[in-house]
Protein backbone atom coordinates (compact mmCIF):
# COMPACT_ATOMS: atom_id res chain seq x y z
CA MET A 1 26.05 29.20 9.26
CA LYS A 2 24.14 25.89 9.34
CA LEU A 3 22.98 24.70 5.93
CA VAL A 4 19.93 22.44 5.64
CA ILE A 5 19.34 20.79 2.26
CA THR A 6 15.94 19.28 1.46
CA GLU A 7 14.71 17.29 -1.51
CA LYS A 8 11.76 19.53 -2.40
CA PRO A 9 11.01 23.26 -2.04
CA SER A 10 7.80 22.49 -0.10
CA VAL A 11 9.73 20.63 2.60
CA ALA A 12 12.28 23.44 2.69
CA ARG A 13 9.49 25.92 3.43
CA ASP A 14 8.21 23.77 6.31
CA LEU A 15 11.66 23.41 7.87
CA ALA A 16 12.49 27.07 7.34
CA ALA A 17 9.25 28.08 9.06
CA PHE A 18 10.12 25.87 12.03
CA LEU A 19 13.67 27.27 12.24
CA GLY A 20 12.58 30.87 11.82
CA ALA A 21 14.45 31.23 8.53
CA GLY A 22 11.97 33.49 6.81
CA ARG A 23 14.16 35.72 4.63
CA ARG A 24 14.13 34.83 0.96
CA GLY A 25 17.44 34.37 -0.83
CA ASP A 26 18.38 33.21 -4.30
CA GLY A 27 17.44 29.51 -4.14
CA PHE A 28 17.29 29.34 -0.34
CA LEU A 29 15.67 30.71 2.81
CA GLU A 30 17.68 32.08 5.73
CA GLY A 31 17.43 33.35 9.27
CA LYS A 32 18.57 32.70 12.85
CA GLY A 33 21.86 31.17 11.75
CA TYR A 34 20.31 28.77 9.23
CA LYS A 35 20.08 28.62 5.47
CA VAL A 36 17.57 26.15 4.06
CA ALA A 37 18.07 25.21 0.41
CA TRP A 38 16.54 22.55 -1.77
CA ALA A 39 17.29 20.16 -4.57
CA LEU A 40 14.81 19.63 -7.37
CA GLY A 41 14.46 15.88 -6.98
CA HIS A 42 17.30 14.03 -8.69
CA LEU A 43 19.43 17.08 -9.42
CA VAL A 44 22.58 15.05 -10.07
CA GLY A 45 22.71 11.71 -11.89
CA LEU A 46 24.99 9.32 -13.71
CA CYS A 47 26.60 10.43 -16.95
CA GLU A 48 25.36 9.07 -20.28
CA PRO A 49 27.61 6.77 -22.40
CA GLU A 50 28.47 9.62 -24.80
CA ASP A 51 29.76 11.65 -21.84
CA TYR A 52 32.53 9.06 -21.53
CA ASP A 53 33.19 8.66 -25.25
CA PRO A 54 31.51 10.86 -27.93
CA SER A 55 31.51 7.94 -30.36
CA LEU A 56 29.04 6.12 -28.12
CA LYS A 57 26.34 8.61 -29.06
CA ARG A 58 25.73 6.33 -32.03
CA TRP A 59 23.95 3.15 -31.00
CA ALA A 60 25.70 0.08 -32.37
CA LEU A 61 25.95 -3.56 -31.30
CA GLU A 62 29.75 -3.60 -31.55
CA THR A 63 30.02 -1.06 -28.71
CA LEU A 64 27.94 -3.20 -26.32
CA PRO A 65 28.11 -3.89 -23.51
CA PHE A 66 29.54 -0.65 -22.19
CA VAL A 67 30.36 -0.48 -18.47
CA PRO A 68 32.35 2.53 -17.23
CA ARG A 69 35.56 1.76 -15.37
CA GLU A 70 34.44 4.44 -12.91
CA PHE A 71 30.97 6.01 -12.90
CA ARG A 72 30.88 9.78 -13.26
CA LEU A 73 28.16 12.26 -12.31
CA LYS A 74 26.63 15.31 -13.95
CA VAL A 75 23.87 17.83 -13.24
CA ILE A 76 20.68 16.74 -14.96
CA GLY A 77 17.71 18.85 -15.95
CA ASP A 78 17.22 22.28 -17.50
CA ALA A 79 18.89 25.62 -16.91
CA ALA A 80 16.89 26.14 -13.69
CA ALA A 81 18.25 22.86 -12.32
CA ARG A 82 21.80 23.88 -13.16
CA ARG A 83 21.32 27.25 -11.47
CA GLN A 84 19.98 25.56 -8.33
CA PHE A 85 22.96 23.21 -8.23
CA ASP A 86 25.31 26.20 -8.44
CA VAL A 87 23.46 27.70 -5.46
CA LEU A 88 23.85 24.47 -3.47
CA ARG A 89 27.54 24.12 -4.33
CA ARG A 90 28.24 27.68 -3.20
CA LEU A 91 26.32 27.21 0.04
CA LEU A 92 27.94 23.83 0.74
CA LYS A 93 31.42 25.29 0.44
CA SER A 94 30.66 28.21 2.77
CA ALA A 95 28.61 26.36 5.41
CA ASP A 96 29.99 25.79 8.91
CA GLU A 97 27.70 22.77 9.33
CA ILE A 98 25.72 20.72 6.81
CA ILE A 99 22.44 18.98 7.62
CA CYS A 100 20.99 16.50 5.13
CA ALA A 101 17.19 16.75 5.20
CA THR A 102 16.29 14.97 1.98
CA ASP A 103 13.55 12.33 2.19
CA ALA A 104 14.40 9.78 4.85
CA GLY A 105 15.03 6.74 2.67
CA ARG A 106 17.34 5.18 0.13
CA GLU A 107 16.61 7.54 -2.77
CA GLY A 108 16.69 10.64 -0.58
CA GLU A 109 20.12 9.60 0.65
CA LEU A 110 21.31 9.12 -2.94
CA ILE A 111 20.07 12.56 -4.01
CA PHE A 112 22.04 14.31 -1.25
CA ARG A 113 25.24 12.25 -1.60
CA TYR A 114 25.33 12.76 -5.38
CA ILE A 115 25.00 16.53 -4.86
CA LEU A 116 27.79 16.44 -2.27
CA GLU A 117 30.06 14.44 -4.56
CA GLN A 118 29.37 16.59 -7.62
CA ALA A 119 30.20 19.65 -5.55
CA GLY A 120 33.61 18.12 -4.76
CA LEU A 121 32.76 17.63 -1.08
CA ALA A 122 32.19 13.87 -0.89
CA HIS A 123 34.30 13.55 2.26
CA ARG A 124 32.81 16.57 4.05
CA PRO A 125 31.14 15.48 7.34
CA PHE A 126 27.46 16.25 7.81
CA ARG A 127 24.56 15.35 10.05
CA ARG A 128 21.35 13.59 9.05
CA LEU A 129 17.81 14.80 9.79
CA TRP A 130 15.51 11.76 9.77
CA LEU A 131 11.89 12.83 9.43
CA ASN A 132 8.86 10.55 9.71
CA SER A 133 6.39 13.43 9.65
CA LEU A 134 6.34 17.12 8.80
CA ASN A 135 4.34 18.38 11.76
CA PRO A 136 6.19 20.73 14.14
CA GLU A 137 6.57 18.19 16.94
CA ALA A 138 8.10 15.60 14.60
CA ILE A 139 10.46 18.22 13.16
CA ARG A 140 11.49 19.26 16.67
CA ARG A 141 12.25 15.67 17.65
CA ALA A 142 14.22 15.12 14.45
CA PHE A 143 16.42 18.17 15.04
CA GLN A 144 16.98 17.02 18.62
CA ASN A 145 18.18 13.65 17.32
CA LEU A 146 20.49 14.56 14.44
CA ARG A 147 22.86 11.70 13.66
CA PRO A 148 26.25 11.62 11.94
CA GLY A 149 25.94 11.20 8.20
CA ALA A 150 28.38 8.28 8.36
CA ASP A 151 25.66 6.27 10.12
CA TYR A 152 23.91 6.09 6.76
CA ASP A 153 26.88 5.09 4.59
CA ARG A 154 25.43 1.62 4.01
CA LEU A 155 22.11 3.11 2.95
CA TYR A 156 23.97 5.27 0.44
CA ALA A 157 25.96 2.24 -0.78
CA ALA A 158 22.71 0.36 -1.42
CA ALA A 159 21.23 3.33 -3.28
CA ARG A 160 24.37 3.81 -5.39
CA CYS A 161 24.45 0.09 -6.22
CA ARG A 162 20.81 0.25 -7.33
CA SER A 163 21.49 3.35 -9.44
CA GLN A 164 24.49 1.81 -11.21
CA ALA A 165 22.76 -1.54 -11.73
CA ASP A 166 19.84 0.23 -13.39
CA TRP A 167 22.30 2.10 -15.63
CA ILE A 168 24.22 -1.02 -16.67
CA VAL A 169 21.16 -3.14 -17.38
CA GLY A 170 18.88 -0.44 -18.73
CA LEU A 171 21.19 1.38 -21.12
CA ASN A 172 22.86 -1.72 -22.55
CA ALA A 173 19.65 -3.74 -22.88
CA THR A 174 17.71 -0.83 -24.37
CA ARG A 175 20.40 -0.16 -26.95
CA ASN A 176 20.70 -3.86 -27.77
CA PHE A 177 16.99 -4.48 -28.36
CA THR A 178 16.44 -1.17 -30.15
CA VAL A 179 19.29 -1.77 -32.60
CA ARG A 180 18.18 -5.36 -33.22
CA HIS A 181 14.40 -4.90 -33.37
CA GLY A 182 13.56 -1.19 -33.33
CA GLY A 183 13.52 0.16 -36.82
CA LYS A 184 11.87 3.41 -37.98
CA GLY A 185 12.74 5.23 -34.78
CA LEU A 186 11.00 2.74 -32.47
CA LEU A 187 12.57 2.55 -29.00
CA TRP A 188 12.65 -0.81 -27.22
CA SER A 189 13.00 0.27 -23.61
CA ALA A 190 14.32 -2.37 -21.21
CA GLY A 191 15.30 -2.19 -17.57
CA ARG A 192 16.22 -4.10 -14.42
CA VAL A 193 12.69 -3.71 -12.98
CA GLN A 194 10.42 -2.73 -15.85
CA THR A 195 11.29 -5.70 -18.09
CA PRO A 196 10.50 -8.55 -15.64
CA VAL A 197 7.36 -6.70 -14.53
CA LEU A 198 6.32 -6.23 -18.15
CA SER A 199 6.97 -9.94 -18.68
CA LEU A 200 4.60 -10.82 -15.84
CA ILE A 201 1.91 -8.61 -17.37
CA VAL A 202 2.37 -10.02 -20.87
CA ASN A 203 2.31 -13.61 -19.64
CA ARG A 204 -0.87 -12.93 -17.68
CA ASP A 205 -2.46 -11.26 -20.71
CA ASP A 206 -1.57 -14.33 -22.77
CA GLU A 207 -3.23 -16.59 -20.20
CA ILE A 208 -6.38 -14.48 -20.29
CA ARG A 209 -6.38 -14.37 -24.07
CA ALA A 210 -6.00 -18.15 -24.30
CA PHE A 211 -8.71 -18.84 -21.73
CA ARG A 212 -11.71 -20.72 -23.07
CA PRO A 213 -14.84 -20.50 -20.89
CA GLU A 214 -16.74 -23.73 -20.34
CA THR A 215 -20.35 -23.85 -19.28
CA PHE A 216 -21.08 -25.88 -16.17
CA TYR A 217 -24.17 -26.59 -14.11
CA GLU A 218 -24.86 -26.77 -10.37
CA VAL A 219 -27.84 -28.06 -8.45
CA TRP A 220 -29.22 -25.94 -5.59
CA THR A 221 -32.18 -26.37 -3.32
CA THR A 222 -33.85 -24.20 -0.69
CA TYR A 223 -34.79 -25.62 2.70
CA ARG A 224 -36.17 -23.34 5.42
CA GLU A 225 -35.20 -20.27 3.37
CA THR A 226 -31.60 -21.44 3.31
CA ALA A 227 -29.73 -22.17 0.07
CA PHE A 228 -28.04 -25.60 -0.05
CA LYS A 229 -25.68 -26.57 -2.83
CA HIS A 230 -25.09 -30.09 -4.11
CA SER A 231 -21.87 -31.27 -2.48
CA GLY A 232 -20.59 -33.20 -5.47
CA ASP A 233 -18.74 -31.99 -8.54
CA ARG A 234 -20.17 -29.55 -11.04
CA PHE A 235 -21.89 -30.98 -14.10
CA ALA A 236 -20.53 -30.45 -17.57
CA ARG A 237 -23.90 -31.34 -19.19
CA ARG A 238 -27.25 -29.86 -18.33
CA GLU A 239 -28.93 -33.26 -18.73
CA GLU A 240 -26.82 -34.71 -15.90
CA ALA A 241 -27.71 -31.86 -13.55
CA GLN A 242 -31.38 -32.12 -14.53
CA GLY A 243 -31.33 -35.85 -13.84
CA LEU A 244 -30.09 -35.28 -10.28
CA LEU A 245 -32.64 -32.49 -9.83
CA ASP A 246 -35.47 -34.78 -10.97
CA ARG A 247 -34.26 -37.43 -8.53
CA VAL A 248 -34.44 -35.17 -5.45
CA ALA A 249 -37.51 -33.12 -6.42
CA GLY A 250 -40.49 -33.97 -4.26
CA ARG A 251 -38.36 -36.01 -1.84
CA GLY A 252 -38.04 -34.91 1.75
CA PHE A 253 -34.95 -33.03 2.89
CA ALA A 254 -33.14 -34.12 6.06
CA ILE A 255 -30.46 -32.45 8.16
CA VAL A 256 -27.73 -35.02 8.85
CA LYS A 257 -24.83 -33.02 10.29
CA ILE A 258 -24.18 -29.63 11.89
CA GLU A 259 -20.61 -28.53 12.46
CA PRO A 260 -20.07 -25.16 14.18
CA LYS A 261 -16.57 -23.73 14.54
CA ARG A 262 -15.69 -20.77 16.73
CA ARG A 263 -13.24 -18.45 15.02
CA VAL A 264 -11.27 -15.55 16.46
CA GLU A 265 -9.90 -13.02 13.99
CA GLN A 266 -7.38 -10.47 15.22
CA PRO A 267 -7.49 -6.81 14.13
CA PRO A 268 -5.57 -5.93 10.96
CA GLN A 269 -2.03 -4.67 11.33
CA LEU A 270 -1.01 -1.11 10.59
CA TYR A 271 -0.36 -0.11 7.00
CA ASP A 272 2.90 -0.26 5.14
CA LEU A 273 2.86 1.28 1.65
CA THR A 274 2.18 -1.99 -0.16
CA GLY A 275 -0.69 -2.87 2.17
CA LEU A 276 -2.22 0.58 1.75
CA GLN A 277 -1.95 0.40 -2.04
CA ARG A 278 -3.44 -3.09 -2.15
CA ASP A 279 -6.33 -2.15 0.13
CA MET A 280 -7.16 1.03 -1.78
CA ASN A 281 -7.10 -0.89 -5.06
CA ARG A 282 -9.49 -3.54 -3.76
CA ARG A 283 -11.87 -1.10 -2.13
CA TYR A 284 -11.89 1.77 -4.61
CA GLY A 285 -9.99 0.62 -7.71
CA LEU A 286 -7.20 3.16 -7.13
CA SER A 287 -3.89 2.41 -8.84
CA ALA A 288 -0.72 2.01 -6.80
CA ASP A 289 0.69 5.20 -8.31
CA ARG A 290 -2.42 7.20 -7.47
CA VAL A 291 -2.38 5.94 -3.88
CA LEU A 292 1.30 6.85 -3.51
CA LYS A 293 0.71 10.34 -4.88
CA ALA A 294 -2.24 10.85 -2.55
CA ALA A 295 -0.22 9.59 0.42
CA GLN A 296 2.69 11.86 -0.52
CA LYS A 297 0.37 14.88 -0.61
CA LEU A 298 -1.04 13.93 2.78
CA TYR A 299 2.50 13.61 4.13
CA GLU A 300 3.46 17.04 2.81
CA ALA A 301 0.22 18.39 4.31
CA LYS A 302 1.38 16.98 7.68
CA ALA A 303 -1.68 14.69 7.88
CA ILE A 304 0.15 11.32 7.83
CA THR A 305 3.67 10.09 8.47
CA TYR A 306 6.21 9.16 5.80
CA PRO A 307 4.39 6.82 3.37
CA ARG A 308 7.29 5.01 1.66
CA THR A 309 7.72 2.42 4.40
CA ASP A 310 7.91 -1.36 4.34
CA SER A 311 7.12 -1.80 8.04
CA ARG A 312 3.76 -2.51 9.66
CA TYR A 313 4.97 -1.85 13.19
CA ILE A 314 5.90 0.98 15.52
CA THR A 315 8.69 1.08 18.06
CA GLY A 316 8.17 0.83 21.80
CA ASP A 317 9.11 4.44 22.46
CA MET A 318 6.22 5.60 20.26
CA LYS A 319 3.46 4.48 22.62
CA PRO A 320 2.92 7.93 24.20
CA GLU A 321 2.91 9.49 20.73
CA VAL A 322 0.21 7.09 19.52
CA ARG A 323 -1.95 7.91 22.54
CA GLU A 324 -1.56 11.61 21.76
CA ILE A 325 -2.46 11.05 18.09
CA LEU A 326 -5.67 9.21 19.00
CA SER A 327 -6.54 11.89 21.55
CA ARG A 328 -6.22 14.59 18.89
CA LEU A 329 -8.31 12.57 16.43
CA GLN A 330 -11.09 11.80 18.94
CA PRO A 331 -13.16 14.96 18.25
CA HIS A 332 -13.38 13.84 14.62
CA LYS A 333 -14.04 10.14 15.37
CA PRO A 334 -15.79 10.34 18.75
CA ALA A 335 -17.82 7.13 18.53
CA GLU A 336 -14.97 5.01 17.21
CA ILE A 337 -12.19 6.27 19.50
CA GLY A 338 -14.58 6.65 22.42
CA LYS A 339 -14.64 2.86 22.80
CA LEU A 340 -10.89 2.82 23.48
CA SER A 341 -9.26 3.46 26.83
CA LEU A 342 -6.41 5.68 25.71
CA ASP A 343 -4.56 5.19 29.00
CA LYS A 344 -4.68 1.41 28.60
CA LEU A 345 -4.23 0.77 24.90
CA PRO A 346 -3.37 -2.89 24.15
CA PHE A 347 0.03 -2.52 22.49
CA THR A 348 0.40 -6.11 21.30
CA ALA A 349 3.27 -7.68 19.38
CA ARG A 350 1.18 -7.17 16.22
CA ILE A 351 1.61 -3.43 16.72
CA VAL A 352 4.97 -2.91 18.49
CA ASN A 353 8.14 -4.58 17.26
CA ASP A 354 11.40 -2.61 17.32
CA ARG A 355 13.23 -5.24 15.27
CA LYS A 356 10.81 -4.92 12.36
CA VAL A 357 11.17 -1.14 12.03
CA SER A 358 14.19 -0.26 9.90
CA ASP A 359 14.08 3.09 8.08
CA HIS A 360 10.51 4.00 8.99
CA HIS A 361 7.64 2.79 11.13
CA ALA A 362 4.16 2.00 9.80
CA ILE A 363 2.05 4.70 8.19
CA LEU A 364 0.18 6.64 10.88
CA PRO A 365 -1.98 9.74 11.01
CA THR A 366 -0.21 12.61 12.72
CA GLY A 367 -3.26 13.77 14.67
CA ALA A 368 -3.86 16.74 12.36
CA TRP A 369 -7.22 16.80 10.59
CA PRO A 370 -7.12 18.47 7.14
CA ALA A 371 -9.82 21.06 6.58
CA SER A 372 -10.95 19.68 3.24
CA LEU A 373 -10.03 16.52 1.41
CA ARG A 374 -11.58 15.02 -1.69
CA GLY A 375 -11.11 12.05 -3.96
CA ALA A 376 -8.20 9.69 -3.44
CA GLU A 377 -6.67 11.80 -0.67
CA ALA A 378 -9.86 11.63 1.41
CA LYS A 379 -10.09 7.86 0.94
CA VAL A 380 -6.44 7.25 1.81
CA PHE A 381 -6.54 9.51 4.87
CA ASP A 382 -9.69 7.88 6.24
CA ALA A 383 -8.21 4.42 5.67
CA VAL A 384 -5.04 5.30 7.61
CA VAL A 385 -7.04 6.79 10.49
CA VAL A 386 -9.47 3.88 10.74
CA ARG A 387 -6.66 1.32 10.50
CA LEU A 388 -4.89 2.87 13.52
CA ILE A 389 -8.12 2.79 15.52
CA ALA A 390 -8.92 -0.77 14.44
CA ALA A 391 -5.49 -2.01 15.56
CA PHE A 392 -6.53 -1.47 19.19
CA TYR A 393 -10.04 -2.91 18.93
CA PRO A 394 -10.87 -6.38 20.27
CA PRO A 395 -10.83 -9.36 17.91
CA CYS A 396 -13.87 -10.42 15.93
CA ILE A 397 -15.44 -13.60 17.27
CA LYS A 398 -17.78 -15.50 15.03
CA LEU A 399 -19.33 -18.90 14.64
CA LEU A 400 -18.78 -20.55 11.26
CA THR A 401 -21.35 -23.27 10.74
CA THR A 402 -21.52 -25.96 8.07
CA VAL A 403 -24.85 -27.76 7.70
CA ASP A 404 -25.08 -31.02 5.70
CA GLY A 405 -28.39 -32.24 4.42
CA GLU A 406 -29.60 -34.81 1.97
CA ALA A 407 -32.53 -35.66 -0.25
CA ASP A 408 -32.82 -39.26 -1.45
CA LYS A 409 -29.28 -39.72 -0.11
CA ILE A 410 -27.97 -36.96 -2.40
CA PRO A 411 -25.72 -34.67 -0.28
CA PHE A 412 -26.20 -30.91 -0.03
CA ARG A 413 -24.38 -28.34 2.07
CA ALA A 414 -24.99 -24.82 3.38
CA THR A 415 -22.53 -22.57 5.18
CA GLY A 416 -23.20 -19.54 7.31
CA VAL A 417 -21.75 -17.29 9.92
CA GLN A 418 -23.01 -15.88 13.16
CA ILE A 419 -21.17 -12.86 14.54
CA LEU A 420 -20.83 -13.36 18.28
CA ASP A 421 -18.75 -10.22 18.84
CA PRO A 422 -18.00 -7.93 15.87
CA GLY A 423 -14.94 -6.44 17.56
CA TRP A 424 -12.84 -4.45 15.10
CA THR A 425 -15.06 -5.32 12.13
CA GLU A 426 -17.70 -2.82 13.23
CA LEU A 427 -15.33 -0.17 11.87
CA TYR A 428 -15.68 -1.71 8.39
CA PRO A 429 -19.39 -1.92 7.51
CA ARG A 430 -20.16 -4.07 4.54
CA ARG A 431 -21.07 -2.34 1.30
CA SER A 432 -24.03 -3.56 -0.71
CA ARG A 433 -23.61 -4.09 -4.41
CA LEU A 434 -25.79 -2.23 -6.86
CA PRO A 435 -26.39 -3.21 -10.50
CA GLY A 436 -23.38 -2.48 -12.66
CA GLY A 437 -20.81 -3.25 -9.99
CA THR A 438 -21.18 -0.03 -7.99
CA PHE A 439 -21.64 0.06 -4.22
CA ARG A 440 -23.86 1.73 -1.68
CA ASP A 441 -22.66 2.29 1.87
CA GLY A 442 -24.62 0.41 4.46
CA ALA A 443 -23.94 -2.18 7.11
CA LYS A 444 -25.39 -5.63 6.70
CA GLU A 445 -25.88 -8.28 9.35
CA SER A 446 -22.42 -9.67 8.75
CA LYS A 447 -19.38 -7.44 8.78
CA LEU A 448 -15.99 -7.87 7.15
CA THR A 449 -14.15 -10.37 9.27
CA THR A 450 -10.67 -10.79 7.83
CA GLU A 451 -8.15 -8.47 6.27
CA GLU A 452 -8.83 -10.21 2.99
CA SER A 453 -12.52 -9.45 3.54
CA LEU A 454 -11.72 -5.78 3.09
CA ASP A 455 -12.05 -6.64 -0.58
CA GLU A 456 -15.37 -4.88 -0.94
CA THR A 457 -15.67 -5.79 -4.59
CA SER A 458 -16.27 -9.44 -3.78
CA ASP A 459 -19.82 -10.63 -4.09
CA GLU A 460 -20.93 -13.44 -1.87
CA THR A 461 -24.39 -13.56 -3.38
CA SER A 462 -24.60 -16.58 -5.63
CA ALA A 463 -26.87 -16.77 -8.64
CA PRO A 464 -26.16 -20.12 -10.35
CA SER A 465 -28.49 -19.52 -13.27
CA GLU A 466 -31.47 -17.44 -14.28
CA GLU A 467 -33.71 -20.22 -13.02
CA GLY A 468 -31.73 -20.98 -9.87
CA PRO A 469 -32.13 -19.44 -6.41
CA ALA A 470 -30.50 -16.00 -6.45
CA ARG A 471 -30.03 -15.88 -2.68
CA GLN A 472 -27.03 -15.73 -0.42
CA ALA A 473 -25.14 -19.00 -0.22
CA GLY A 474 -21.68 -17.92 0.84
CA PRO A 475 -20.23 -17.57 4.33
CA THR A 476 -22.40 -14.53 5.08
CA GLN A 477 -25.66 -16.46 4.74
CA PRO A 478 -27.69 -16.20 7.95
CA LEU A 479 -28.74 -19.65 9.20
CA PRO A 480 -31.81 -20.59 11.22
CA GLU A 481 -31.58 -23.01 14.15
CA PHE A 482 -31.26 -26.45 12.57
CA LYS A 483 -31.44 -29.78 14.40
CA ILE A 484 -29.92 -33.06 13.30
CA GLY A 485 -32.63 -35.43 12.03
CA GLU A 486 -35.20 -32.80 11.21
CA ARG A 487 -36.99 -33.24 7.92
CA GLY A 488 -39.18 -31.14 5.68
CA PRO A 489 -40.02 -30.07 2.13
CA HIS A 490 -37.47 -28.29 -0.03
CA GLU A 491 -37.56 -26.50 -3.35
């Protein structure tokens, strides 16, 4: 009997369906020579201090720091968790072959190894199923490429080190601060990760709280329906700004310099988890946790590949697979994918790099199109699909132009952009801002032109004051044809 152990019941059902193991057992599925069982997340964990010494149940400074000579494990969770561990231990001892199919990553490796060790089978050989996606083709490839579990010993060592470091720092620091400063049942929770992150947040909050806004003034003028801003420093006093305004008012405006720069901006790279979370936060205000949960649901629905990846590349042997994915998505994105030649996709070094793919490749759609998605899941799925398409689009070519003018020798400057070839940016139409900070879909003349420009909450419309010109003055300002030496009235 071959035993397959997964991290979650939902994954176990997918693998069992693929293997033809449809008969229901007590805590497992079986059929065709396989039994597929599951953990319930972290089913086994490190013992608590009182498990080593009952006297340590009482929190006291004189017992700190406590570091076990040898870390021990125990089953964690409720009675259902203990029953499931008993099922796994029984199956592990009777299996002819063991296949680890927990999540393909550091924590998934730790979950399986801890179960194996707690069952008294730490040295039992097994094979590893490494899944990047849960669709049938990906499962088939993974079973065809099972690797010896020993190949992942270093991954397990890293996970175990992380687990024990968290225990040492978290338990000792939490007990220390709680005993010193808690009082009245208040817990002062501290940890290897949470405490420095909390420190960053607190320090930033202090900076915001201590910030004192200062009013400043700018001088703007409009020449040929183009907003020009005074090139000098801002003014701390209104009288100073008004004095400069009075000096240039009624004087002719002259164009003294025009400096165009051609700029080529390459398509954005594929998503890793951090890039996806950052992009979804900028575009839709979604938290990192919400994006991860949405991506995890899409992964379990076989719509995207494994989301917990730190790579933005694919490997060279995945080229045919990517072509197949785009081909399957084309009926749903006909206009966008129709502009690509799927037989001649430009697999550049920004897309393919075997050395920069460790545990998992970049997040990709699988080619499946979910019947109905809403909310965060719909946004995340569309972002992953569009990002894959955009990676193969041509670069955006634009002309950035700076125009210097002057009135009574007072310098002013306007900047603008002319899109020569939108390239990949046509997949990201600009959103227009409505009152109150909300957005309305709709493409403007200028598209997003850098990965940072995907920040759709930025507002490049400048309104210096209630009396000033509330017109575009940022890099998206369309510019007329100016000529050096031309002169005219300005306002």
